[in-house]
């Protein structure tokens, strides 16, 4: 399974904003955007002074790249998600974000079982979660309403999951399209995510324009 394995802080610096790819670190002064708020590379620091008005294509590309990096998806798979969003009824951009939100690794992250989507992906790949009672190791699995995600019984004895209940109590509220039982470490997809449920600072219409060229 292909994935990006390079330094993720460079991705935030390239997009010029926090993408929260490192969980708690992004809220501390160690965040790369706090220390070096300019693009990476030899001429990154100078480019912020020489940069003129961005073209329409540049804006579309940057928005597409930003969403890809937030969810940790490579280009080929992202194109497949876009093609699926195009086939579904409704707004293509909203459909695309709904598909990305429905991924198992994102649901694990949204439920608060992980600090970041990258960590959620690793937890899923290591087999710590079951979906509808069946163990799965596929982070890209798309969940539907009424699907249940819970920590595997054997994994609950591990130190990480023994302390997770206290962490869940201190983490932000989960989205309305999800439900969580802290006592049993079980989450449920209440309904399909809508655009109003997704709190990402992205303009999905630019992505639609990018692929419609």
N, C-alpha and C. Protein backbone atom coordinates (compact mmCIF):
# COMPACT_ATOMS: atom_id res chain seq x y z
N UNK A 1 0.85 -1.19 0.00
CA UNK A 1 0.00 0.00 0.00
C UNK A 1 0.88 1.24 0.00
N UNK A 2 0.77 2.06 -1.06
CA UNK A 2 1.63 3.23 -1.21
C UNK A 2 1.18 4.34 -0.27
N UNK A 3 2.17 5.06 0.25
CA UNK A 3 1.87 6.21 1.10
C UNK A 3 3.08 7.12 1.14
N UNK A 4 2.88 8.35 1.50
CA UNK A 4 3.96 9.32 1.61
C UNK A 4 4.72 9.06 2.91
N UNK A 5 6.04 8.96 2.82
CA UNK A 5 6.84 8.67 4.00
C UNK A 5 7.88 9.75 4.27
N UNK A 6 7.76 10.89 3.60
CA UNK A 6 8.70 11.98 3.80
C UNK A 6 8.31 12.84 4.99
N UNK A 7 9.05 13.93 5.24
CA UNK A 7 8.76 14.83 6.36
C UNK A 7 7.46 15.59 6.12
N UNK A 8 6.50 15.42 7.01
CA UNK A 8 5.18 16.00 6.78
C UNK A 8 5.14 17.50 7.08
N UNK A 9 6.06 18.00 7.90
CA UNK A 9 6.06 19.42 8.18
C UNK A 9 6.34 20.24 6.92
N UNK A 10 7.08 19.66 5.99
CA UNK A 10 7.33 20.35 4.73
C UNK A 10 6.03 20.53 3.93
N UNK A 11 5.11 19.60 4.10
CA UNK A 11 3.83 19.70 3.39
C UNK A 11 3.04 20.90 3.90
N UNK A 12 3.04 21.10 5.20
CA UNK A 12 2.33 22.25 5.77
C UNK A 12 2.98 23.56 5.29
N UNK A 13 4.30 23.58 5.30
CA UNK A 13 5.01 24.80 4.87
C UNK A 13 4.75 25.08 3.39
N UNK A 14 4.66 24.03 2.59
CA UNK A 14 4.40 24.24 1.16
C UNK A 14 3.02 24.83 0.93
N UNK A 15 2.04 24.41 1.74
CA UNK A 15 0.68 24.93 1.57
C UNK A 15 0.49 26.25 2.31
N UNK A 16 1.46 26.61 3.16
CA UNK A 16 1.37 27.89 3.84
C UNK A 16 0.39 27.95 4.98
N UNK A 17 -0.01 26.80 5.51
CA UNK A 17 -0.94 26.78 6.64
C UNK A 17 -0.84 25.44 7.35
N UNK A 18 -1.34 25.41 8.58
CA UNK A 18 -1.30 24.17 9.36
C UNK A 18 -2.29 23.16 8.80
N UNK A 19 -1.80 21.96 8.53
CA UNK A 19 -2.67 20.86 8.11
C UNK A 19 -2.88 19.87 9.23
N UNK A 20 -2.25 20.10 10.38
CA UNK A 20 -2.40 19.26 11.58
C UNK A 20 -2.09 17.80 11.27
N UNK A 21 -0.93 17.60 10.65
CA UNK A 21 -0.51 16.25 10.27
C UNK A 21 0.25 15.54 11.38
N UNK A 22 0.65 16.27 12.43
CA UNK A 22 1.42 15.66 13.52
C UNK A 22 0.70 15.71 14.85
N UNK A 23 -0.61 15.87 14.82
CA UNK A 23 -1.39 15.81 16.04
C UNK A 23 -1.05 16.91 17.03
N UNK A 24 -0.73 16.53 18.26
CA UNK A 24 -0.50 17.48 19.35
C UNK A 24 0.66 18.42 19.07
N UNK A 25 1.66 17.97 18.33
CA UNK A 25 2.83 18.82 18.04
C UNK A 25 2.42 20.09 17.31
N UNK A 26 1.37 20.01 16.51
CA UNK A 26 0.93 21.16 15.72
C UNK A 26 0.39 22.28 16.59
N UNK A 27 0.07 21.99 17.85
CA UNK A 27 -0.46 23.00 18.76
C UNK A 27 0.63 23.60 19.67
N UNK A 28 1.88 23.22 19.42
CA UNK A 28 2.99 23.70 20.24
C UNK A 28 3.90 24.63 19.43
N UNK A 29 4.81 25.34 20.09
CA UNK A 29 5.75 26.20 19.36
C UNK A 29 6.69 25.43 18.45
N UNK A 30 6.75 24.10 18.57
CA UNK A 30 7.62 23.31 17.71
C UNK A 30 7.05 23.16 16.29
N UNK A 31 5.81 23.56 16.09
CA UNK A 31 5.19 23.46 14.77
C UNK A 31 6.04 24.21 13.74
N UNK A 32 6.25 23.61 12.58
CA UNK A 32 7.11 24.21 11.56
C UNK A 32 6.56 25.53 11.05
N UNK A 33 5.24 25.66 10.98
CA UNK A 33 4.64 26.91 10.51
C UNK A 33 4.94 28.05 11.48
N UNK A 34 5.03 27.74 12.76
CA UNK A 34 5.34 28.76 13.76
C UNK A 34 6.78 29.24 13.64
N UNK A 35 7.67 28.34 13.21
CA UNK A 35 9.09 28.68 13.17
C UNK A 35 9.56 29.14 11.81
N UNK A 36 8.99 28.53 10.74
CA UNK A 36 9.43 28.86 9.37
C UNK A 36 8.20 28.91 8.47
N UNK A 37 7.52 30.03 8.49
CA UNK A 37 6.28 30.15 7.73
C UNK A 37 6.55 30.55 6.28
N UNK A 38 7.36 29.77 5.60
CA UNK A 38 7.64 29.97 4.19
C UNK A 38 7.87 28.62 3.55
N UNK A 39 7.74 28.50 2.22
CA UNK A 39 7.87 27.20 1.56
C UNK A 39 9.25 26.59 1.76
N UNK A 40 9.34 25.26 1.76
CA UNK A 40 10.64 24.61 1.92
C UNK A 40 11.47 24.75 0.64
N UNK A 41 12.74 24.46 0.75
CA UNK A 41 13.61 24.52 -0.41
C UNK A 41 14.60 25.65 -0.34
N UNK A 42 15.54 25.64 -1.28
CA UNK A 42 16.63 26.61 -1.27
C UNK A 42 16.15 28.05 -1.39
N UNK A 43 15.08 28.26 -2.20
CA UNK A 43 14.61 29.62 -2.44
C UNK A 43 13.26 29.88 -1.78
N UNK A 44 12.88 29.01 -0.84
CA UNK A 44 11.57 29.17 -0.22
C UNK A 44 11.39 30.48 0.51
N UNK A 45 12.43 30.88 1.24
CA UNK A 45 12.33 32.11 2.04
C UNK A 45 12.22 33.32 1.13
N UNK A 46 12.90 33.31 -0.02
CA UNK A 46 12.87 34.45 -0.93
C UNK A 46 11.57 34.50 -1.72
N UNK A 47 10.93 33.34 -1.92
CA UNK A 47 9.76 33.29 -2.80
C UNK A 47 8.59 34.08 -2.24
N UNK A 48 8.51 34.21 -0.91
CA UNK A 48 7.39 34.95 -0.32
C UNK A 48 7.45 36.43 -0.63
N UNK A 49 8.64 36.92 -0.99
CA UNK A 49 8.77 38.33 -1.33
C UNK A 49 8.62 38.55 -2.84
N UNK A 50 8.86 37.51 -3.64
CA UNK A 50 8.79 37.63 -5.09
C UNK A 50 7.48 37.13 -5.66
N UNK A 51 6.63 36.56 -4.83
CA UNK A 51 5.42 35.92 -5.33
C UNK A 51 4.41 36.97 -5.76
N UNK A 52 3.90 36.84 -6.99
CA UNK A 52 2.87 37.74 -7.50
C UNK A 52 1.49 37.12 -7.35
N UNK A 53 0.58 37.55 -8.19
CA UNK A 53 -0.77 37.02 -8.13
C UNK A 53 -0.78 35.59 -8.67
N UNK A 54 -1.37 34.68 -7.92
CA UNK A 54 -1.42 33.28 -8.35
C UNK A 54 -2.44 33.10 -9.46
N UNK A 55 -2.12 32.23 -10.42
CA UNK A 55 -3.04 31.95 -11.51
C UNK A 55 -4.19 31.08 -11.02
N UNK A 56 -5.24 30.99 -11.82
CA UNK A 56 -6.37 30.13 -11.47
C UNK A 56 -5.92 28.68 -11.34
N UNK A 57 -5.07 28.25 -12.26
CA UNK A 57 -4.58 26.88 -12.21
C UNK A 57 -3.79 26.62 -10.92
N UNK A 58 -2.97 27.60 -10.52
CA UNK A 58 -2.19 27.43 -9.29
C UNK A 58 -3.10 27.30 -8.08
N UNK A 59 -4.15 28.10 -8.01
CA UNK A 59 -5.08 28.02 -6.89
C UNK A 59 -5.79 26.67 -6.85
N UNK A 60 -6.18 26.18 -8.02
CA UNK A 60 -6.86 24.89 -8.10
C UNK A 60 -5.92 23.76 -7.69
N UNK A 61 -4.69 23.80 -8.18
CA UNK A 61 -3.72 22.77 -7.86
C UNK A 61 -3.41 22.75 -6.37
N UNK A 62 -3.18 23.92 -5.79
CA UNK A 62 -2.84 23.99 -4.37
C UNK A 62 -3.98 23.46 -3.49
N UNK A 63 -5.22 23.74 -3.88
CA UNK A 63 -6.35 23.26 -3.09
C UNK A 63 -6.46 21.74 -3.17
N UNK A 64 -6.23 21.21 -4.36
CA UNK A 64 -6.25 19.76 -4.52
C UNK A 64 -5.15 19.10 -3.73
N UNK A 65 -3.96 19.65 -3.79
CA UNK A 65 -2.83 19.10 -3.04
C UNK A 65 -3.06 19.19 -1.54
N UNK A 66 -3.67 20.28 -1.09
CA UNK A 66 -3.93 20.45 0.34
C UNK A 66 -4.86 19.36 0.86
N UNK A 67 -5.94 19.10 0.13
CA UNK A 67 -6.89 18.07 0.58
C UNK A 67 -6.24 16.69 0.54
N UNK A 68 -5.46 16.41 -0.50
CA UNK A 68 -4.75 15.13 -0.57
C UNK A 68 -3.86 14.93 0.64
N UNK A 69 -3.16 15.97 1.02
CA UNK A 69 -2.20 15.85 2.11
C UNK A 69 -2.89 15.77 3.46
N UNK A 70 -4.01 16.44 3.60
CA UNK A 70 -4.75 16.36 4.86
C UNK A 70 -5.18 14.93 5.13
N UNK A 71 -5.66 14.25 4.10
CA UNK A 71 -6.16 12.88 4.27
C UNK A 71 -5.09 11.81 4.01
N UNK A 72 -3.90 12.22 3.59
CA UNK A 72 -2.81 11.27 3.39
C UNK A 72 -3.03 10.33 2.22
N UNK A 73 -3.48 10.88 1.09
CA UNK A 73 -3.82 10.06 -0.07
C UNK A 73 -2.95 10.46 -1.26
N UNK A 74 -2.51 9.49 -2.01
CA UNK A 74 -1.71 9.76 -3.21
C UNK A 74 -2.63 10.06 -4.39
N UNK A 75 -2.04 10.54 -5.48
CA UNK A 75 -2.81 11.07 -6.60
C UNK A 75 -3.73 10.05 -7.26
N UNK A 76 -3.25 8.84 -7.51
CA UNK A 76 -4.07 7.87 -8.23
C UNK A 76 -5.34 7.53 -7.46
N UNK A 77 -5.20 7.31 -6.16
CA UNK A 77 -6.36 6.99 -5.35
C UNK A 77 -7.29 8.20 -5.24
N UNK A 78 -6.74 9.39 -5.17
CA UNK A 78 -7.55 10.59 -5.08
C UNK A 78 -8.39 10.76 -6.36
N UNK A 79 -7.80 10.43 -7.49
CA UNK A 79 -8.54 10.50 -8.76
C UNK A 79 -9.70 9.51 -8.77
N UNK A 80 -9.49 8.34 -8.19
CA UNK A 80 -10.57 7.36 -8.12
C UNK A 80 -11.71 7.87 -7.25
N UNK A 81 -11.36 8.50 -6.14
CA UNK A 81 -12.40 9.08 -5.28
C UNK A 81 -13.17 10.17 -6.02
N UNK A 82 -12.45 10.97 -6.80
CA UNK A 82 -13.13 12.03 -7.55
C UNK A 82 -14.08 11.43 -8.59
N UNK A 83 -13.64 10.37 -9.27
CA UNK A 83 -14.51 9.72 -10.25
C UNK A 83 -15.77 9.15 -9.59
N UNK A 84 -15.62 8.60 -8.40
CA UNK A 84 -16.78 8.09 -7.66
C UNK A 84 -17.70 9.24 -7.25
N UNK A 85 -17.13 10.35 -6.81
CA UNK A 85 -17.93 11.52 -6.43
C UNK A 85 -18.70 12.07 -7.62
N UNK A 86 -18.10 11.98 -8.81
CA UNK A 86 -18.73 12.47 -10.03
C UNK A 86 -19.95 11.63 -10.39
N UNK A 87 -19.88 10.33 -10.09
CA UNK A 87 -21.00 9.44 -10.43
C UNK A 87 -22.17 9.60 -9.47
N UNK A 88 -21.91 10.03 -8.26
CA UNK A 88 -22.98 10.14 -7.27
C UNK A 88 -23.84 11.37 -7.51
N UNK A 89 -25.12 11.32 -7.16
CA UNK A 89 -25.97 12.51 -7.32
C UNK A 89 -25.58 13.59 -6.32
N UNK A 90 -25.83 14.84 -6.68
CA UNK A 90 -25.50 15.94 -5.79
C UNK A 90 -24.26 16.69 -6.23
N UNK A 91 -23.74 17.54 -5.35
CA UNK A 91 -22.58 18.35 -5.64
C UNK A 91 -21.32 17.49 -5.59
N UNK A 92 -20.53 17.54 -6.66
CA UNK A 92 -19.34 16.69 -6.76
C UNK A 92 -18.34 16.98 -5.64
N UNK A 93 -18.11 18.26 -5.35
CA UNK A 93 -17.14 18.61 -4.31
C UNK A 93 -17.56 18.09 -2.94
N UNK A 94 -18.83 18.27 -2.60
CA UNK A 94 -19.33 17.76 -1.33
C UNK A 94 -19.28 16.25 -1.26
N UNK A 95 -19.58 15.59 -2.39
CA UNK A 95 -19.49 14.13 -2.44
C UNK A 95 -18.07 13.66 -2.20
N UNK A 96 -17.10 14.38 -2.78
CA UNK A 96 -15.70 14.00 -2.62
C UNK A 96 -15.27 14.07 -1.16
N UNK A 97 -15.60 15.16 -0.49
CA UNK A 97 -15.23 15.29 0.92
C UNK A 97 -15.97 14.26 1.77
N UNK A 98 -17.22 13.94 1.40
CA UNK A 98 -17.96 12.92 2.13
C UNK A 98 -17.32 11.55 2.02
N UNK A 99 -16.81 11.22 0.83
CA UNK A 99 -16.11 9.95 0.64
C UNK A 99 -14.85 9.89 1.48
N UNK A 100 -14.07 10.98 1.47
CA UNK A 100 -12.83 11.02 2.23
C UNK A 100 -13.09 10.91 3.73
N UNK A 101 -14.16 11.56 4.20
CA UNK A 101 -14.50 11.49 5.61
C UNK A 101 -14.94 10.09 6.02
N UNK A 102 -15.47 9.32 5.08
CA UNK A 102 -16.00 7.99 5.38
C UNK A 102 -14.92 6.92 5.45
N UNK A 103 -13.69 7.26 5.14
CA UNK A 103 -12.60 6.29 5.25
C UNK A 103 -12.43 5.84 6.70
N UNK A 104 -12.07 4.58 6.88
CA UNK A 104 -11.93 4.04 8.22
C UNK A 104 -10.89 4.79 9.04
N UNK A 105 -9.74 5.10 8.44
CA UNK A 105 -8.70 5.79 9.21
C UNK A 105 -9.18 7.17 9.65
N UNK A 106 -9.95 7.86 8.80
CA UNK A 106 -10.47 9.17 9.20
C UNK A 106 -11.52 9.04 10.29
N UNK A 107 -12.37 8.01 10.23
CA UNK A 107 -13.37 7.80 11.26
C UNK A 107 -12.70 7.53 12.61
N UNK A 108 -11.64 6.71 12.60
CA UNK A 108 -10.90 6.44 13.83
C UNK A 108 -10.32 7.74 14.39
N UNK A 109 -9.82 8.59 13.51
CA UNK A 109 -9.28 9.89 13.95
C UNK A 109 -10.39 10.79 14.48
N UNK A 110 -11.50 10.86 13.78
CA UNK A 110 -12.61 11.72 14.20
C UNK A 110 -13.21 11.26 15.53
N UNK A 111 -13.18 9.96 15.80
CA UNK A 111 -13.70 9.45 17.06
C UNK A 111 -12.78 9.76 18.23
N UNK A 112 -11.54 10.19 17.93
CA UNK A 112 -10.60 10.55 18.99
C UNK A 112 -9.68 9.43 19.41
N UNK A 113 -9.67 8.31 18.68
CA UNK A 113 -8.80 7.20 19.04
C UNK A 113 -7.35 7.46 18.63
N UNK A 114 -7.09 8.52 17.86
CA UNK A 114 -5.73 8.84 17.41
C UNK A 114 -5.56 10.34 17.35
N UNK A 115 -4.30 10.79 17.48
CA UNK A 115 -3.99 12.22 17.43
C UNK A 115 -3.99 12.77 16.02
N UNK A 116 -3.76 11.92 15.04
CA UNK A 116 -3.67 12.35 13.66
C UNK A 116 -4.18 11.24 12.76
N UNK A 117 -4.44 11.56 11.51
CA UNK A 117 -4.89 10.54 10.57
C UNK A 117 -3.78 9.54 10.27
N UNK A 118 -2.54 9.99 10.31
CA UNK A 118 -1.42 9.07 10.09
C UNK A 118 -1.35 8.04 11.21
N UNK A 119 -1.54 8.48 12.44
CA UNK A 119 -1.53 7.55 13.56
C UNK A 119 -2.73 6.61 13.48
N UNK A 120 -3.88 7.14 13.08
CA UNK A 120 -5.07 6.30 12.93
C UNK A 120 -4.84 5.23 11.86
N UNK A 121 -4.19 5.62 10.79
CA UNK A 121 -3.90 4.67 9.72
C UNK A 121 -3.01 3.54 10.23
N UNK A 122 -2.01 3.88 11.03
CA UNK A 122 -1.11 2.87 11.57
C UNK A 122 -1.85 1.94 12.53
N UNK A 123 -2.70 2.48 13.37
CA UNK A 123 -3.47 1.65 14.30
C UNK A 123 -4.36 0.66 13.57
N UNK A 124 -4.96 1.13 12.48
CA UNK A 124 -5.82 0.24 11.69
C UNK A 124 -4.99 -0.85 11.02
N UNK A 125 -3.87 -0.46 10.44
CA UNK A 125 -3.02 -1.45 9.75
C UNK A 125 -2.49 -2.51 10.71
N UNK A 126 -2.32 -2.15 11.99
CA UNK A 126 -1.83 -3.12 12.97
C UNK A 126 -2.95 -3.98 13.55
N UNK A 127 -4.17 -3.79 13.04
CA UNK A 127 -5.26 -4.67 13.41
C UNK A 127 -5.90 -4.41 14.76
N UNK A 128 -5.89 -3.16 15.22
CA UNK A 128 -6.43 -2.86 16.54
C UNK A 128 -7.94 -2.59 16.53
N UNK A 129 -8.56 -2.58 15.34
CA UNK A 129 -9.98 -2.24 15.27
C UNK A 129 -10.77 -3.31 14.54
N UNK A 130 -12.03 -3.41 14.92
CA UNK A 130 -12.96 -4.30 14.23
C UNK A 130 -14.11 -3.46 13.71
N UNK A 131 -14.60 -3.81 12.54
CA UNK A 131 -15.75 -3.12 11.93
C UNK A 131 -16.89 -4.12 11.84
N UNK A 132 -17.97 -3.81 12.51
CA UNK A 132 -19.13 -4.72 12.55
C UNK A 132 -18.74 -6.11 13.02
N UNK A 133 -17.82 -6.14 14.00
CA UNK A 133 -17.41 -7.41 14.60
C UNK A 133 -16.31 -8.14 13.87
N UNK A 134 -15.84 -7.60 12.75
CA UNK A 134 -14.79 -8.28 11.98
C UNK A 134 -13.52 -7.44 11.97
N UNK A 135 -12.41 -8.07 12.28
CA UNK A 135 -11.12 -7.38 12.32
C UNK A 135 -10.74 -6.96 10.90
N UNK A 136 -10.27 -5.73 10.77
CA UNK A 136 -9.86 -5.23 9.46
C UNK A 136 -8.55 -4.47 9.58
N UNK A 137 -7.76 -4.52 8.53
CA UNK A 137 -6.48 -3.80 8.48
C UNK A 137 -6.41 -2.89 7.26
N UNK A 138 -7.56 -2.45 6.76
CA UNK A 138 -7.62 -1.65 5.54
C UNK A 138 -8.04 -0.23 5.89
N UNK A 139 -7.11 0.71 5.96
CA UNK A 139 -7.46 2.09 6.34
C UNK A 139 -8.41 2.77 5.36
N UNK A 140 -8.38 2.38 4.08
CA UNK A 140 -9.20 3.03 3.07
C UNK A 140 -10.62 2.48 3.00
N UNK A 141 -10.97 1.55 3.85
CA UNK A 141 -12.32 0.98 3.86
C UNK A 141 -13.34 2.10 4.07
N UNK A 142 -14.35 2.15 3.19
CA UNK A 142 -15.38 3.18 3.30
C UNK A 142 -16.53 2.67 4.16
N UNK A 143 -16.89 3.44 5.17
CA UNK A 143 -17.94 3.05 6.09
C UNK A 143 -19.27 3.67 5.68
N UNK A 144 -20.35 3.00 6.06
CA UNK A 144 -21.69 3.44 5.74
C UNK A 144 -22.48 3.66 7.04
N UNK A 145 -23.62 4.35 6.94
CA UNK A 145 -24.45 4.52 8.15
C UNK A 145 -24.76 3.19 8.83
N UNK A 146 -24.72 3.20 10.15
CA UNK A 146 -24.98 2.05 11.02
C UNK A 146 -23.78 1.12 11.16
N UNK A 147 -22.67 1.40 10.48
CA UNK A 147 -21.47 0.60 10.70
C UNK A 147 -20.88 0.93 12.07
N UNK A 148 -20.35 -0.09 12.75
CA UNK A 148 -19.75 0.09 14.07
C UNK A 148 -18.25 -0.16 14.01
N UNK A 149 -17.50 0.70 14.68
CA UNK A 149 -16.05 0.58 14.78
C UNK A 149 -15.69 0.49 16.25
N UNK A 150 -14.99 -0.54 16.64
CA UNK A 150 -14.61 -0.69 18.05
C UNK A 150 -13.19 -1.21 18.17
N UNK A 151 -12.59 -0.93 19.32
CA UNK A 151 -11.24 -1.43 19.59
C UNK A 151 -11.31 -2.93 19.82
N UNK A 152 -10.41 -3.66 19.20
CA UNK A 152 -10.40 -5.12 19.33
C UNK A 152 -10.19 -5.52 20.79
N UNK A 153 -10.85 -6.58 21.21
CA UNK A 153 -10.82 -7.01 22.61
C UNK A 153 -9.40 -7.23 23.10
N UNK A 154 -8.55 -7.86 22.27
CA UNK A 154 -7.18 -8.13 22.67
C UNK A 154 -6.36 -6.84 22.79
N UNK A 155 -6.72 -5.83 21.99
CA UNK A 155 -5.96 -4.57 22.00
C UNK A 155 -6.28 -3.71 23.22
N UNK A 156 -7.43 -3.92 23.84
CA UNK A 156 -7.83 -3.09 24.97
C UNK A 156 -6.92 -3.28 26.18
N UNK A 157 -6.17 -4.37 26.19
CA UNK A 157 -5.26 -4.61 27.31
C UNK A 157 -3.94 -3.85 27.16
N UNK A 158 -3.71 -3.28 26.00
CA UNK A 158 -2.49 -2.51 25.78
C UNK A 158 -2.56 -1.17 26.50
N UNK A 159 -1.41 -0.66 26.89
CA UNK A 159 -1.35 0.57 27.65
C UNK A 159 -2.00 1.75 26.94
N UNK A 160 -1.80 1.83 25.63
CA UNK A 160 -2.36 2.95 24.87
C UNK A 160 -3.87 3.02 25.01
N UNK A 161 -4.53 1.88 24.86
CA UNK A 161 -5.99 1.87 24.89
C UNK A 161 -6.52 1.87 26.32
N UNK A 162 -5.70 1.47 27.29
CA UNK A 162 -6.13 1.57 28.68
C UNK A 162 -6.22 3.02 29.13
N UNK A 163 -5.39 3.88 28.54
CA UNK A 163 -5.40 5.30 28.90
C UNK A 163 -6.29 6.13 27.98
N UNK A 164 -6.85 5.52 26.94
CA UNK A 164 -7.56 6.30 25.92
C UNK A 164 -8.85 6.92 26.44
N UNK A 165 -9.49 6.29 27.42
CA UNK A 165 -10.76 6.83 27.92
C UNK A 165 -10.57 8.23 28.53
N UNK A 166 -9.50 8.40 29.29
CA UNK A 166 -9.23 9.71 29.88
C UNK A 166 -8.91 10.72 28.80
N UNK A 167 -8.18 10.30 27.76
CA UNK A 167 -7.86 11.21 26.66
C UNK A 167 -9.10 11.60 25.89
N UNK A 168 -10.01 10.64 25.69
CA UNK A 168 -11.24 10.93 24.94
C UNK A 168 -12.09 11.98 25.66
N UNK A 169 -12.07 11.93 26.98
CA UNK A 169 -12.88 12.88 27.75
C UNK A 169 -12.37 14.31 27.60
N UNK A 170 -11.08 14.47 27.27
CA UNK A 170 -10.48 15.80 27.16
C UNK A 170 -10.35 16.28 25.72
N UNK A 171 -10.73 15.46 24.77
CA UNK A 171 -10.60 15.84 23.37
C UNK A 171 -11.87 16.54 22.88
N UNK A 172 -11.77 17.29 21.78
CA UNK A 172 -12.95 18.02 21.28
C UNK A 172 -14.10 17.06 20.96
N UNK A 173 -15.31 17.61 20.95
CA UNK A 173 -16.50 16.80 20.66
C UNK A 173 -16.40 16.21 19.26
N UNK A 174 -16.90 15.01 19.11
CA UNK A 174 -16.85 14.34 17.82
C UNK A 174 -17.94 14.93 16.92
N UNK A 175 -17.81 14.76 15.59
CA UNK A 175 -18.84 15.29 14.68
C UNK A 175 -20.21 14.65 14.93
N UNK A 176 -21.25 15.36 14.51
CA UNK A 176 -22.61 14.89 14.76
C UNK A 176 -22.96 13.64 13.97
N UNK A 177 -22.23 13.36 12.90
CA UNK A 177 -22.57 12.18 12.09
C UNK A 177 -21.97 10.90 12.67
N UNK A 178 -21.26 11.05 13.80
CA UNK A 178 -20.68 9.90 14.49
C UNK A 178 -21.21 9.82 15.92
N UNK A 179 -21.24 8.60 16.45
CA UNK A 179 -21.59 8.38 17.85
C UNK A 179 -20.48 7.62 18.54
N UNK A 180 -20.28 7.85 19.83
CA UNK A 180 -19.18 7.21 20.55
C UNK A 180 -19.63 6.78 21.93
N UNK A 181 -19.30 5.53 22.28
CA UNK A 181 -19.51 5.01 23.63
C UNK A 181 -18.12 4.84 24.25
N UNK A 182 -17.76 5.75 25.16
CA UNK A 182 -16.42 5.74 25.75
C UNK A 182 -16.20 4.47 26.57
N UNK A 183 -17.23 4.00 27.24
CA UNK A 183 -17.07 2.84 28.12
C UNK A 183 -16.70 1.58 27.35
N UNK A 184 -17.28 1.40 26.19
CA UNK A 184 -17.00 0.19 25.39
C UNK A 184 -16.01 0.45 24.27
N UNK A 185 -15.54 1.72 24.16
CA UNK A 185 -14.61 2.11 23.07
C UNK A 185 -15.18 1.71 21.71
N UNK A 186 -16.43 2.08 21.50
CA UNK A 186 -17.12 1.74 20.27
C UNK A 186 -17.70 2.99 19.63
N UNK A 187 -17.48 3.14 18.35
CA UNK A 187 -18.05 4.25 17.61
C UNK A 187 -19.02 3.74 16.56
N UNK A 188 -19.94 4.60 16.14
CA UNK A 188 -20.92 4.21 15.15
C UNK A 188 -21.14 5.34 14.16
N UNK A 189 -21.31 4.99 12.90
CA UNK A 189 -21.63 5.98 11.87
C UNK A 189 -23.14 6.20 11.91
N UNK A 190 -23.55 7.34 12.42
CA UNK A 190 -24.98 7.63 12.57
C UNK A 190 -25.62 7.93 11.23
N UNK A 191 -24.94 8.69 10.41
CA UNK A 191 -25.43 9.05 9.08
C UNK A 191 -24.25 9.42 8.21
N UNK A 192 -24.51 9.60 6.94
CA UNK A 192 -23.45 10.00 6.02
C UNK A 192 -23.03 11.44 6.34
N UNK A 193 -21.73 11.75 6.28
CA UNK A 193 -21.27 13.12 6.57
C UNK A 193 -21.74 14.10 5.52
N UNK A 194 -22.16 15.27 5.95
CA UNK A 194 -22.56 16.34 5.05
C UNK A 194 -21.48 17.42 5.04
N UNK A 195 -21.56 18.32 4.06
CA UNK A 195 -20.54 19.35 3.95
C UNK A 195 -20.48 20.22 5.20
N UNK A 196 -21.62 20.48 5.81
CA UNK A 196 -21.66 21.32 7.01
C UNK A 196 -20.99 20.64 8.20
N UNK A 197 -20.79 19.32 8.13
CA UNK A 197 -20.14 18.60 9.23
C UNK A 197 -18.63 18.64 9.14
N UNK A 198 -18.10 19.02 8.00
CA UNK A 198 -16.66 18.94 7.75
C UNK A 198 -16.04 20.31 7.97
N UNK A 199 -15.22 20.42 9.01
CA UNK A 199 -14.69 21.71 9.44
C UNK A 199 -13.33 22.03 8.83
N UNK A 200 -13.11 21.63 7.60
CA UNK A 200 -11.82 21.89 6.96
C UNK A 200 -11.87 23.19 6.16
N UNK A 201 -10.81 24.02 6.24
CA UNK A 201 -10.78 25.27 5.49
C UNK A 201 -10.39 25.05 4.03
N UNK A 202 -11.26 24.38 3.29
CA UNK A 202 -10.96 24.06 1.89
C UNK A 202 -12.11 24.53 1.02
N UNK A 203 -11.78 24.83 -0.22
CA UNK A 203 -12.78 25.18 -1.23
C UNK A 203 -12.83 24.05 -2.24
N UNK A 204 -13.74 23.12 -2.03
CA UNK A 204 -13.79 21.92 -2.88
C UNK A 204 -14.15 22.23 -4.32
N UNK A 205 -14.76 23.40 -4.57
CA UNK A 205 -15.11 23.74 -5.94
C UNK A 205 -13.87 23.93 -6.79
N UNK A 206 -12.78 24.40 -6.18
CA UNK A 206 -11.52 24.55 -6.93
C UNK A 206 -10.99 23.19 -7.38
N UNK A 207 -11.23 22.15 -6.58
CA UNK A 207 -10.80 20.80 -6.97
C UNK A 207 -11.61 20.32 -8.15
N UNK A 208 -12.91 20.59 -8.13
CA UNK A 208 -13.76 20.22 -9.25
C UNK A 208 -13.31 20.93 -10.52
N UNK A 209 -12.96 22.21 -10.40
CA UNK A 209 -12.49 22.96 -11.56
C UNK A 209 -11.17 22.41 -12.07
N UNK A 210 -10.31 21.97 -11.14
CA UNK A 210 -9.02 21.41 -11.54
C UNK A 210 -9.20 20.18 -12.41
N UNK A 211 -10.05 19.26 -12.00
CA UNK A 211 -10.25 18.01 -12.75
C UNK A 211 -11.18 18.21 -13.96
N UNK A 212 -11.82 19.36 -14.07
CA UNK A 212 -12.72 19.61 -15.19
C UNK A 212 -12.04 20.34 -16.33
N UNK A 213 -10.75 20.60 -16.19
CA UNK A 213 -10.03 21.32 -17.25
C UNK A 213 -10.04 20.53 -18.56
